[in-house]
Amino acid sequence: MSANAAGDLTLGDIVTDNAVRFGEVVAYRHGDRTVSHAQLRARAVRLVSAMVDAGVRHQDRVAVLSRNGIEFGELNAATQISGIIMATINFRLSPPEMADVVRRVAPSIVFATDEFAPAVSAVVAELPSAPMLVVIGGEPPTGTIGYEQFLKGGRSGDPELVATPDDIAYLLFTSGTTGASKCCVVGQREMRAIAFTMNNEMRSGSNDRGLINMPMFHVGALAIVGGLHARGGTVVLQQQFDPAEAVRLIADEAITVLHLAPVMLKSLLDEVGDGSAVKSVRTVVYSAAPMTTKTLQRAISALPNAGFLNLYGQTEVIASGLPRELHTLDGPDAEERLRSVGFPFPGTQIRILDEDGRDVASGKAGEIVVRSNSMFRGYLDDVAATEATLRDGWCRTGDVGRLDTRGLLYLVDRKKDVIITGGENVYSPEVEDAITAIDGVAACAVVGVPDEKWGEAVCAVIVPLAGASPTLKAVQQHVRRSLAGYKVPRRLVLVAELPVLASGKVDKKRLRADVGVAAG
């Protein structure tokens, strides 16, 4: 049934194969609505036809601005089949940021939910060549067309455009944790490789049901959706993460696969109770940020039927994972092992380099560089940034890490998040790990703030538990028991919550700006 020869396949071939092999299996469920794998392909083919009638051609671009929803999934399938490029837009962007993204990707059509249609209408009206606006849900504004009306204008049968493995599949924007967001060019061949890597690591099949509440505009959610659909599984969608609703969905839908950032997993555990509601879960994928040992140990105990998988990567490249076999509390090395982000995935190589580009000794920290068959192809219209990141076939991640003698990778810090105090490097995750073990600490992040004497001072930003009031002295005493003196926080800020990016990572760029004045 595949349009391409064996070994030369696309993401669209997954959509087509699922329609034949698992046609009656639900591909997406959102609330009371479902679409089967057969229906998904049929609607995707109609969407392709409608886009062709609107003037879209092979490798033209369309943009999607939507929370998680079935229509997002249908558009994803349509672009996978056709070789039309999907550009995803972060719905949390401000209007000026949104305008910049639309201008940069230059889409022929913007598909937006009615929630965002007014903002998009204002944005596209200011562009020299205004793209068509298709509105999902609600009443489409004047001058736009509704999604279902647009889709009905398409034709069934064979797709009018067919993707090739060399095609660009996505334009995905980075989280912008250390600077301005960049637009990554990601190919069909690479995303297909990611889908089957995720499927293999999750060990999922057509009887698996994954709960997706990470935003689908982000590479992490797209990778897990791809992994579930690689063998005909079901994706149950949550528009946005709500722990109480997530627990209900897990029980009602007999969810077998979860994908969560550590902060989300912790919230879920707080909601679980005796654990009976989550007994169906057999795989927990966590990613986007380091997990504290305390939270991971709690999760392993609370979900005894689940295997855990820790993913490490970024929009540019998904690099490694700690497999379920190593997620055990047994053995003298358990605490250290559970801090790692695992082994490189098949088709992936990892090196650790010093500032001069030389390999460092085992156990030494340096920049993580990756070579992979699923790496991004470069940054859109940014030759300088591409050349700085992709060198000699290797991707410079900007992350600091180390490899042990076994080959396990440990993420030490973001290169730009390393705190230099009095000439010494302080890696924030190890300080955060120490602080989260303190009674009364719900969450914490560690950043550097300007200091006249030391250049930078270690600043602990803590979310206290209800009724708790951690003091700087108490934090210092605790951290000093396990870490060197220069790593001990000199400043403390208490906050109600930490700023978090859509990916689930703590937004340290914003945090540094917020606490630079408040720290004391």
Protein backbone atom coordinates (compact mmCIF):
# COMPACT_ATOMS: atom_id res chain seq x y z
CA MET A 1 0.00 0.00 0.00
CA SER A 2 3.01 2.29 0.30
CA ALA A 3 3.67 4.93 -2.33
CA ASN A 4 7.45 4.50 -2.10
CA ALA A 5 9.75 1.51 -2.40
CA ALA A 6 10.64 -0.47 0.75
CA GLY A 7 13.38 1.26 2.69
CA ASP A 8 12.49 4.58 1.07
CA LEU A 9 9.39 5.49 3.03
CA THR A 10 7.76 8.61 4.41
CA LEU A 11 5.61 9.63 7.34
CA GLY A 12 2.66 9.48 4.95
CA ASP A 13 3.22 5.76 4.44
CA ILE A 14 2.54 5.28 8.17
CA VAL A 15 -0.83 7.03 7.75
CA THR A 16 -1.70 4.86 4.75
CA ASP A 17 -0.52 1.59 6.29
CA ASN A 18 -2.48 2.26 9.48
CA ALA A 19 -5.65 2.89 7.48
CA VAL A 20 -5.35 -0.63 6.02
CA ARG A 21 -3.89 -2.56 8.94
CA PHE A 22 -5.64 -0.87 11.86
CA GLY A 23 -8.49 0.94 10.11
CA GLU A 24 -11.04 0.56 12.94
CA VAL A 25 -8.59 1.47 15.70
CA VAL A 26 -9.06 4.98 17.06
CA ALA A 27 -6.21 7.23 15.87
CA TYR A 28 -7.24 10.28 17.93
CA ARG A 29 -9.71 10.77 20.75
CA HIS A 30 -10.50 14.20 22.17
CA GLY A 31 -13.39 14.40 24.58
CA ASP A 32 -16.35 12.62 22.99
CA ARG A 33 -14.91 12.89 19.49
CA THR A 34 -12.89 10.18 17.76
CA VAL A 35 -11.36 9.56 14.37
CA SER A 36 -10.19 6.07 13.36
CA HIS A 37 -7.02 5.42 11.38
CA ALA A 38 -9.13 4.81 8.24
CA GLN A 39 -11.05 8.05 8.79
CA LEU A 40 -7.83 9.93 9.51
CA ARG A 41 -6.37 9.04 6.13
CA ALA A 42 -9.62 9.77 4.30
CA ARG A 43 -9.97 13.21 5.87
CA ALA A 44 -6.26 13.92 5.35
CA VAL A 45 -6.60 13.13 1.63
CA ARG A 46 -9.57 15.54 1.39
CA LEU A 47 -7.52 18.22 3.16
CA VAL A 48 -4.69 17.77 0.66
CA SER A 49 -7.15 18.17 -2.22
CA ALA A 50 -8.66 21.29 -0.64
CA MET A 51 -5.20 22.80 -0.13
CA VAL A 52 -4.30 22.07 -3.76
CA ASP A 53 -7.47 23.89 -4.87
CA ALA A 54 -6.35 26.82 -2.68
CA GLY A 55 -3.09 26.99 -4.64
CA VAL A 56 -0.81 25.03 -2.30
CA ARG A 57 1.85 22.97 -4.04
CA HIS A 58 4.35 20.31 -3.04
CA GLN A 59 6.78 21.69 -0.39
CA ASP A 60 4.74 24.85 0.07
CA ARG A 61 4.10 25.79 3.69
CA VAL A 62 1.02 25.91 5.86
CA ALA A 63 0.96 27.04 9.49
CA VAL A 64 -1.08 25.63 12.38
CA LEU A 65 -2.04 27.64 15.46
CA SER A 66 -4.05 25.43 17.75
CA ARG A 67 -4.15 23.75 21.11
CA ASN A 68 -4.15 19.94 20.99
CA GLY A 69 -7.11 18.75 18.98
CA ILE A 70 -8.22 16.25 16.34
CA GLU A 71 -7.96 18.85 13.56
CA PHE A 72 -4.30 19.37 14.44
CA GLY A 73 -3.84 15.62 14.00
CA GLU A 74 -5.66 15.63 10.66
CA LEU A 75 -3.52 18.48 9.35
CA ASN A 76 -0.43 16.66 10.54
CA ALA A 77 -1.49 13.56 8.58
CA ALA A 78 -2.33 15.63 5.49
CA THR A 79 1.09 17.24 5.37
CA GLN A 80 2.78 13.90 6.03
CA ILE A 81 1.00 12.34 3.06
CA SER A 82 1.46 15.23 0.64
CA GLY A 83 4.88 16.73 1.24
CA ILE A 84 3.31 20.05 2.17
CA ILE A 85 5.38 21.55 4.99
CA MET A 86 3.75 22.11 8.38
CA ALA A 87 4.93 25.08 10.43
CA THR A 88 3.68 24.93 14.01
CA ILE A 89 3.03 28.12 15.99
CA ASN A 90 3.29 28.39 19.75
CA PHE A 91 -0.13 29.62 20.89
CA ARG A 92 1.43 31.31 23.91
CA LEU A 93 3.23 33.88 21.76
CA SER A 94 2.40 37.56 22.00
CA PRO A 95 0.91 39.19 18.85
CA PRO A 96 4.28 40.72 17.81
CA GLU A 97 6.01 37.33 18.27
CA MET A 98 3.23 35.62 16.36
CA ALA A 99 3.56 38.11 13.53
CA ASP A 100 7.30 37.45 13.39
CA VAL A 101 6.77 33.68 13.17
CA VAL A 102 4.15 33.95 10.41
CA ARG A 103 6.36 36.37 8.49
CA ARG A 104 9.37 34.02 8.78
CA VAL A 105 7.60 30.85 7.63
CA ALA A 106 5.53 32.62 4.90
CA PRO A 107 2.66 30.10 4.83
CA SER A 108 0.10 29.83 2.04
CA ILE A 109 -2.59 29.00 4.60
CA VAL A 110 -2.86 29.53 8.35
CA PHE A 111 -5.12 27.05 10.15
CA ALA A 112 -6.14 28.54 13.51
CA THR A 113 -8.74 27.70 16.11
CA ASP A 114 -11.47 30.29 16.72
CA GLU A 115 -9.75 31.19 20.01
CA PHE A 116 -6.80 32.62 18.07
CA ALA A 117 -8.52 33.69 14.85
CA PRO A 118 -8.87 37.39 15.78
CA ALA A 119 -5.16 37.68 16.62
CA VAL A 120 -4.16 35.84 13.44
CA SER A 121 -6.49 37.96 11.30
CA ALA A 122 -4.73 41.09 12.55
CA VAL A 123 -1.34 39.52 11.89
CA VAL A 124 -1.98 38.31 8.34
CA ALA A 125 -3.64 41.57 7.34
CA GLU A 126 -0.32 43.35 7.86
CA LEU A 127 1.69 40.97 5.66
CA PRO A 128 2.60 41.92 2.07
CA SER A 129 1.10 38.65 0.79
CA ALA A 130 -1.67 37.70 3.21
CA PRO A 131 -2.13 33.92 3.58
CA MET A 132 -5.55 32.33 3.53
CA LEU A 133 -7.04 31.87 7.02
CA VAL A 134 -8.99 28.68 7.82
CA VAL A 135 -10.73 28.74 11.20
CA ILE A 136 -11.19 25.60 13.29
CA GLY A 137 -14.40 25.64 15.35
CA GLY A 138 -16.77 28.50 16.07
CA GLU A 139 -18.02 31.04 13.57
CA PRO A 140 -15.33 32.05 11.08
CA PRO A 141 -14.77 35.83 10.88
CA THR A 142 -15.57 37.70 7.69
CA GLY A 143 -13.03 36.98 4.98
CA THR A 144 -12.13 33.54 6.37
CA ILE A 145 -13.48 30.03 5.88
CA GLY A 146 -14.42 27.38 8.43
CA TYR A 147 -12.34 24.20 8.66
CA GLU A 148 -15.17 21.75 7.91
CA GLN A 149 -16.37 23.81 4.95
CA PHE A 150 -12.81 23.94 3.64
CA LEU A 151 -12.38 20.17 4.07
CA LYS A 152 -15.70 19.36 2.33
CA GLY A 153 -14.43 21.16 -0.74
CA GLY A 154 -11.74 18.51 -1.13
CA ARG A 155 -11.98 15.20 -2.98
CA SER A 156 -11.48 11.59 -1.89
CA GLY A 157 -9.42 8.93 -3.65
CA ASP A 158 -5.67 9.03 -4.06
CA PRO A 159 -3.79 12.03 -2.64
CA GLU A 160 -3.15 14.72 -5.23
CA LEU A 161 0.32 15.35 -3.83
CA VAL A 162 2.67 12.63 -2.55
CA ALA A 163 5.58 13.16 -0.17
CA THR A 164 9.11 11.89 -0.76
CA PRO A 165 11.66 10.96 1.92
CA ASP A 166 13.85 13.93 0.99
CA ASP A 167 11.04 16.41 1.59
CA ILE A 168 10.99 18.89 4.46
CA ALA A 169 8.23 17.81 6.85
CA TYR A 170 8.18 20.50 9.56
CA LEU A 171 9.31 23.96 10.49
CA LEU A 172 9.57 23.80 14.29
CA PHE A 173 10.59 26.63 16.56
CA THR A 174 12.95 26.06 19.46
CA SER A 175 11.97 26.93 23.03
CA GLY A 176 14.35 29.88 23.07
CA THR A 177 15.71 29.00 26.52
CA THR A 178 18.99 30.85 26.00
CA GLY A 179 18.17 33.37 23.28
CA ALA A 180 15.81 34.18 20.43
CA SER A 181 13.78 31.22 19.15
CA LYS A 182 15.17 29.61 16.00
CA CYS A 183 13.22 27.80 13.29
CA CYS A 184 14.41 24.23 12.73
CA VAL A 185 14.01 22.54 9.36
CA VAL A 186 13.13 18.87 9.93
CA GLY A 187 12.76 16.30 7.15
CA GLN A 188 10.38 13.44 6.38
CA ARG A 189 13.13 10.83 6.58
CA GLU A 190 14.38 12.14 9.91
CA MET A 191 10.95 12.37 11.56
CA ARG A 192 10.08 8.87 10.38
CA ALA A 193 13.27 7.60 12.00
CA ILE A 194 12.30 9.41 15.22
CA ALA A 195 8.80 7.87 15.12
CA PHE A 196 10.12 4.32 14.93
CA THR A 197 12.81 5.00 17.54
CA MET A 198 10.12 6.22 19.92
CA ASN A 199 7.90 3.26 19.06
CA ASN A 200 10.73 0.84 19.78
CA GLU A 201 11.70 2.54 23.05
CA MET A 202 8.06 2.70 24.23
CA ARG A 203 7.40 -0.82 22.91
CA SER A 204 3.95 0.25 21.82
CA GLY A 205 1.48 -1.38 19.43
CA SER A 206 -2.06 -0.97 18.13
CA ASN A 207 -3.54 -1.78 21.54
CA ASP A 208 -1.69 1.05 23.26
CA ARG A 209 -3.34 4.34 24.18
CA GLY A 210 -1.13 7.32 24.90
CA LEU A 211 -2.21 10.48 26.69
CA ILE A 212 -0.79 13.56 24.99
CA ASN A 213 -1.04 16.81 26.93
CA MET A 214 2.27 18.34 25.96
CA PRO A 215 1.56 20.87 23.16
CA MET A 216 1.62 19.36 19.68
CA PHE A 217 3.46 22.37 18.28
CA HIS A 218 6.50 21.03 20.14
CA VAL A 219 8.84 18.33 18.81
CA GLY A 220 8.42 16.20 21.94
CA ALA A 221 4.69 15.68 21.50
CA LEU A 222 5.05 15.16 17.75
CA ALA A 223 7.69 12.50 18.40
CA ILE A 224 5.51 10.59 20.88
CA VAL A 225 2.44 10.87 18.62
CA GLY A 226 4.59 9.53 15.80
CA GLY A 227 5.81 6.69 18.01
CA LEU A 228 2.27 5.69 18.99
CA HIS A 229 1.01 5.85 15.41
CA ALA A 230 4.03 3.99 14.02
CA ARG A 231 2.28 0.73 14.95
CA GLY A 232 -1.33 1.84 14.86
CA GLY A 233 -1.78 3.04 18.44
CA THR A 234 -4.28 5.54 19.80
CA VAL A 235 -3.59 9.13 20.87
CA VAL A 236 -5.90 10.54 23.55
CA LEU A 237 -5.64 14.32 23.60
CA GLN A 238 -5.80 16.77 26.44
CA GLN A 239 -5.91 20.39 25.28
CA GLN A 240 -3.54 21.33 28.07
CA PHE A 241 -2.26 19.58 31.15
CA ASP A 242 -4.59 19.43 34.13
CA PRO A 243 -3.56 16.77 36.67
CA ALA A 244 -7.07 15.94 37.91
CA GLU A 245 -8.40 15.57 34.37
CA ALA A 246 -5.31 13.55 33.40
CA VAL A 247 -5.92 11.05 36.21
CA ARG A 248 -9.58 10.74 35.14
CA LEU A 249 -8.60 10.16 31.51
CA ILE A 250 -6.02 7.55 32.49
CA ALA A 251 -8.70 5.59 34.33
CA ASP A 252 -11.54 6.11 31.82
CA GLU A 253 -9.46 5.43 28.70
CA ALA A 254 -7.19 2.75 30.21
CA ILE A 255 -4.17 4.80 29.18
CA THR A 256 -1.01 2.72 28.77
CA VAL A 257 1.53 5.43 27.80
CA LEU A 258 2.19 8.79 29.44
CA HIS A 259 4.51 11.55 28.23
CA LEU A 260 5.23 14.22 30.82
CA ALA A 261 7.78 16.81 31.81
CA PRO A 262 9.07 16.18 35.37
CA VAL A 263 7.06 19.08 36.82
CA MET A 264 3.91 17.56 35.29
CA LEU A 265 4.70 14.08 36.60
CA LYS A 266 5.08 15.49 40.09
CA SER A 267 1.66 17.19 39.85
CA LEU A 268 0.14 13.96 38.60
CA LEU A 269 1.59 12.01 41.52
CA ASP A 270 0.12 14.55 43.94
CA GLU A 271 -3.30 13.79 42.41
CA VAL A 272 -3.05 10.00 42.15
CA GLY A 273 -3.89 8.88 45.71
CA ASP A 274 -3.68 5.12 46.16
CA GLY A 275 -2.62 4.50 42.56
CA SER A 276 -5.60 2.38 41.47
CA ALA A 277 -6.65 5.00 38.90
CA VAL A 278 -3.34 4.67 37.05
CA LYS A 279 -2.87 0.90 37.16
CA SER A 280 -3.25 0.65 33.35
CA VAL A 281 -0.09 2.72 32.74
CA ARG A 282 2.80 0.57 31.60
CA THR A 283 5.12 3.18 30.07
CA VAL A 284 6.02 6.63 31.39
CA VAL A 285 8.14 8.80 29.12
CA TYR A 286 9.60 11.86 30.77
CA SER A 287 11.65 14.55 29.11
CA ALA A 288 12.31 18.29 28.68
CA ALA A 289 14.13 18.80 32.00
CA PRO A 290 16.12 16.89 34.62
CA MET A 291 14.08 14.88 37.12
CA THR A 292 15.03 15.04 40.79
CA THR A 293 15.93 11.68 42.27
CA LYS A 294 13.25 12.14 44.93
CA THR A 295 10.48 12.62 42.37
CA LEU A 296 11.65 9.71 40.22
CA GLN A 297 11.86 7.35 43.19
CA ARG A 298 8.36 8.41 44.21
CA ALA A 299 7.06 7.81 40.67
CA ILE A 300 8.60 4.34 40.44
CA SER A 301 6.96 3.41 43.73
CA ALA A 302 3.57 4.94 42.81
CA LEU A 303 3.41 3.29 39.36
CA PRO A 304 4.61 -0.28 39.97
CA ASN A 305 3.20 -1.59 36.67
CA ALA A 306 5.02 1.03 34.58
CA GLY A 307 8.38 1.07 32.92
CA PHE A 308 10.09 4.44 32.68
CA LEU A 309 11.96 6.02 29.78
CA ASN A 310 13.94 9.24 30.10
CA LEU A 311 14.44 11.06 26.79
CA TYR A 312 17.15 13.62 26.15
CA GLY A 313 17.17 15.88 23.16
CA GLN A 314 16.08 19.19 21.73
CA THR A 315 14.26 20.39 18.63
CA GLU A 316 17.49 19.97 16.67
CA VAL A 317 18.15 16.34 17.65
CA ILE A 318 16.65 13.64 19.88
CA ALA A 319 19.75 11.95 21.22
CA SER A 320 19.44 9.41 24.02
CA GLY A 321 17.27 7.65 26.55
CA LEU A 322 17.58 5.77 29.83
CA PRO A 323 15.63 2.55 29.16
CA ARG A 324 13.16 0.92 31.52
CA GLU A 325 15.60 -1.84 32.47
CA LEU A 326 17.82 0.73 34.17
CA HIS A 327 14.95 2.48 35.94
CA THR A 328 15.28 0.45 39.09
CA LEU A 329 15.96 1.36 42.69
CA ASP A 330 18.08 -1.77 43.09
CA GLY A 331 21.85 -1.74 43.28
CA PRO A 332 24.44 0.53 44.90
CA ASP A 333 24.63 2.70 41.77
CA ALA A 334 20.85 3.32 41.58
CA GLU A 335 20.86 6.95 42.69
CA GLU A 336 23.68 7.88 40.32
CA ARG A 337 22.29 5.84 37.41
CA LEU A 338 18.85 7.43 37.69
CA ARG A 339 20.44 10.85 37.18
CA SER A 340 21.58 9.89 33.70
CA VAL A 341 19.81 10.40 30.39
CA GLY A 342 20.86 7.01 29.14
CA PHE A 343 22.53 5.63 26.05
CA PRO A 344 22.53 7.07 22.52
CA PHE A 345 19.64 5.81 20.41
CA PRO A 346 20.36 3.53 17.42
CA GLY A 347 21.84 5.55 14.59
CA THR A 348 23.15 8.16 17.05
CA GLN A 349 26.66 8.94 18.27
CA ILE A 350 27.53 11.23 21.19
CA ARG A 351 30.83 12.89 22.08
CA ILE A 352 31.86 15.28 24.85
CA LEU A 353 34.15 18.12 23.72
CA ASP A 354 36.15 20.79 25.51
CA GLU A 355 36.24 24.47 24.50
CA ASP A 356 38.85 23.67 21.84
CA GLY A 357 36.77 20.95 20.25
CA ARG A 358 38.75 18.04 21.66
CA ASP A 359 37.27 14.91 23.22
CA VAL A 360 37.48 14.93 27.00
CA ALA A 361 38.25 12.01 29.28
CA SER A 362 35.48 9.78 30.63
CA GLY A 363 33.73 11.45 33.53
CA LYS A 364 34.82 14.96 32.55
CA ALA A 365 32.26 17.62 31.65
CA GLY A 366 32.12 19.28 28.24
CA GLU A 367 29.74 20.20 25.46
CA ILE A 368 27.50 17.40 24.19
CA VAL A 369 27.75 16.98 20.42
CA VAL A 370 25.58 14.54 18.49
CA ARG A 371 25.61 12.88 15.08
CA SER A 372 22.37 11.16 14.12
CA ASN A 373 20.27 9.89 11.22
CA SER A 374 17.34 11.88 12.64
CA MET A 375 18.99 15.27 13.08
CA PHE A 376 17.45 18.53 11.87
CA ARG A 377 18.73 19.96 8.58
CA GLY A 378 19.49 23.50 9.69
CA TYR A 379 17.83 26.75 10.72
CA LEU A 380 15.43 28.42 8.31
CA ASP A 381 17.10 31.35 6.51
CA ASP A 382 19.94 31.48 9.04
CA VAL A 383 23.19 30.27 7.54
CA ALA A 384 25.36 31.64 10.35
CA ALA A 385 23.41 29.88 13.10
CA THR A 386 23.31 26.66 11.07
CA GLU A 387 27.07 26.69 10.53
CA ALA A 388 27.66 27.40 14.22
CA THR A 389 25.49 24.44 15.26
CA LEU A 390 26.16 21.87 12.52
CA ARG A 391 29.89 21.31 12.14
CA ASP A 392 31.43 18.41 10.22
CA GLY A 393 28.18 16.47 10.50
CA TRP A 394 27.90 16.93 14.28
CA CYS A 395 25.26 18.96 16.11
CA ARG A 396 26.57 21.25 18.86
CA THR A 397 23.81 21.04 21.46
CA GLY A 398 24.92 23.85 23.77
CA ASP A 399 24.41 21.43 26.67
CA VAL A 400 27.10 20.44 29.13
CA GLY A 401 27.34 16.74 29.90
CA ARG A 402 29.62 13.85 30.71
CA LEU A 403 29.89 10.17 29.79
CA ASP A 404 30.75 7.48 32.31
CA THR A 405 32.85 4.39 31.55
CA ARG A 406 29.70 2.45 30.71
CA GLY A 407 28.63 5.01 28.12
CA LEU A 408 25.76 6.52 30.09
CA LEU A 409 25.25 10.21 29.36
CA TYR A 410 24.70 12.67 32.21
CA LEU A 411 23.22 16.09 31.49
CA VAL A 412 25.10 18.59 33.64
CA ASP A 413 23.61 21.92 32.55
CA ARG A 414 22.83 24.20 29.65
CA LYS A 415 26.07 25.81 28.55
CA LYS A 416 24.58 29.29 29.00
CA ASP A 417 23.05 28.34 32.36
CA VAL A 418 26.37 27.45 33.96
CA ILE A 419 26.99 29.84 36.87
CA ILE A 420 30.54 31.17 37.16
CA THR A 421 31.11 32.39 40.69
CA GLY A 422 34.56 33.44 41.83
CA GLY A 423 36.03 31.68 38.80
CA GLU A 424 34.39 28.34 39.64
CA ASN A 425 31.74 26.65 37.49
CA VAL A 426 28.51 25.73 39.24
CA TYR A 427 26.07 23.43 37.45
CA SER A 428 22.56 24.30 38.57
CA PRO A 429 20.94 20.80 38.42
CA GLU A 430 23.12 19.38 41.19
CA VAL A 431 22.29 22.32 43.47
CA GLU A 432 18.59 22.00 42.58
CA ASP A 433 18.71 18.29 43.39
CA ALA A 434 20.13 19.05 46.83
CA ILE A 435 17.58 21.75 47.59
CA THR A 436 14.51 19.73 46.55
CA ALA A 437 15.40 17.19 49.25
CA ILE A 438 14.69 19.84 51.91
CA ASP A 439 11.39 19.50 53.76
CA GLY A 440 9.01 22.28 52.80
CA VAL A 441 10.35 22.72 49.24
CA ALA A 442 7.79 22.01 46.52
CA ALA A 443 10.02 23.02 43.60
CA CYS A 444 13.15 25.02 42.96
CA ALA A 445 15.39 26.41 40.25
CA VAL A 446 18.92 27.73 40.60
CA VAL A 447 20.27 30.62 38.52
CA GLY A 448 23.17 33.03 38.63
CA VAL A 449 22.57 36.67 39.50
CA PRO A 450 25.07 39.55 39.17
CA ASP A 451 27.36 39.99 42.17
CA GLU A 452 30.00 42.71 42.56
CA LYS A 453 32.42 40.50 44.48
CA TRP A 454 31.98 37.09 42.85
CA GLY A 455 30.84 38.07 39.34
CA GLU A 456 27.80 35.86 39.77
CA ALA A 457 26.14 34.56 42.90
CA VAL A 458 24.24 31.30 43.16
CA CYS A 459 20.57 32.16 43.68
CA ALA A 460 17.99 29.60 44.79
CA VAL A 461 14.43 30.30 43.64
CA ILE A 462 12.10 28.17 45.73
CA VAL A 463 8.39 27.38 45.61
CA PRO A 464 7.59 26.48 49.24
CA LEU A 465 4.96 23.99 50.29
CA ALA A 466 1.89 25.46 51.96
CA GLY A 467 2.78 26.72 55.42
CA ALA A 468 6.54 26.38 54.89
CA SER A 469 9.00 29.29 54.91
CA PRO A 470 12.50 28.08 53.97
CA THR A 471 15.25 30.47 55.02
CA LEU A 472 18.53 31.17 53.30
CA LYS A 473 20.44 29.94 56.35
CA ALA A 474 18.56 26.63 56.42
CA VAL A 475 19.09 26.13 52.68
CA GLN A 476 22.79 26.91 52.98
CA GLN A 477 23.25 24.50 55.87
CA HIS A 478 21.58 21.69 53.97
CA VAL A 479 23.41 22.23 50.68
CA ARG A 480 26.77 22.57 52.43
CA ARG A 481 26.42 19.00 53.73
CA SER A 482 26.73 17.53 50.24
CA LEU A 483 28.26 20.18 47.97
CA ALA A 484 31.34 22.38 47.90
CA GLY A 485 31.12 25.79 49.55
CA TYR A 486 31.19 27.76 46.29
CA LYS A 487 28.05 25.89 45.17
CA VAL A 488 26.05 26.98 48.21
CA PRO A 489 23.38 29.60 47.37
CA ARG A 490 24.18 33.15 48.46
CA ARG A 491 20.71 34.45 47.58
CA LEU A 492 17.20 33.12 48.12
CA VAL A 493 13.93 34.13 46.48
CA LEU A 494 10.56 32.58 47.40
CA VAL A 495 7.95 32.51 44.63
CA ALA A 496 4.43 31.12 44.17
CA GLU A 497 5.43 29.28 40.97
CA LEU A 498 8.30 28.93 38.53
CA PRO A 499 7.92 30.27 34.96
CA VAL A 500 7.65 27.31 32.61
CA LEU A 501 7.98 27.06 28.84
CA ALA A 502 5.52 25.10 26.71
CA SER A 503 8.01 22.22 26.61
CA GLY A 504 7.84 21.87 30.39
CA LYS A 505 11.28 23.35 30.98
CA VAL A 506 11.77 26.07 33.56
CA ASP A 507 12.24 29.34 31.69
CA LYS A 508 15.58 30.32 33.21
CA LYS A 509 16.06 33.26 30.87
CA ARG A 510 12.92 34.86 32.27
CA LEU A 511 13.75 33.70 35.79
CA ARG A 512 17.14 35.42 35.73
CA ALA A 513 15.47 38.65 34.62
CA ASP A 514 12.76 38.36 37.27
CA VAL A 515 15.00 37.59 40.24
CA GLY A 516 17.97 39.76 39.33
CA VAL A 517 16.48 42.62 41.32
CA ALA A 518 14.47 40.58 43.81
CA ALA A 519 17.36 38.42 45.01
CA GLY A 520 18.66 39.35 48.40
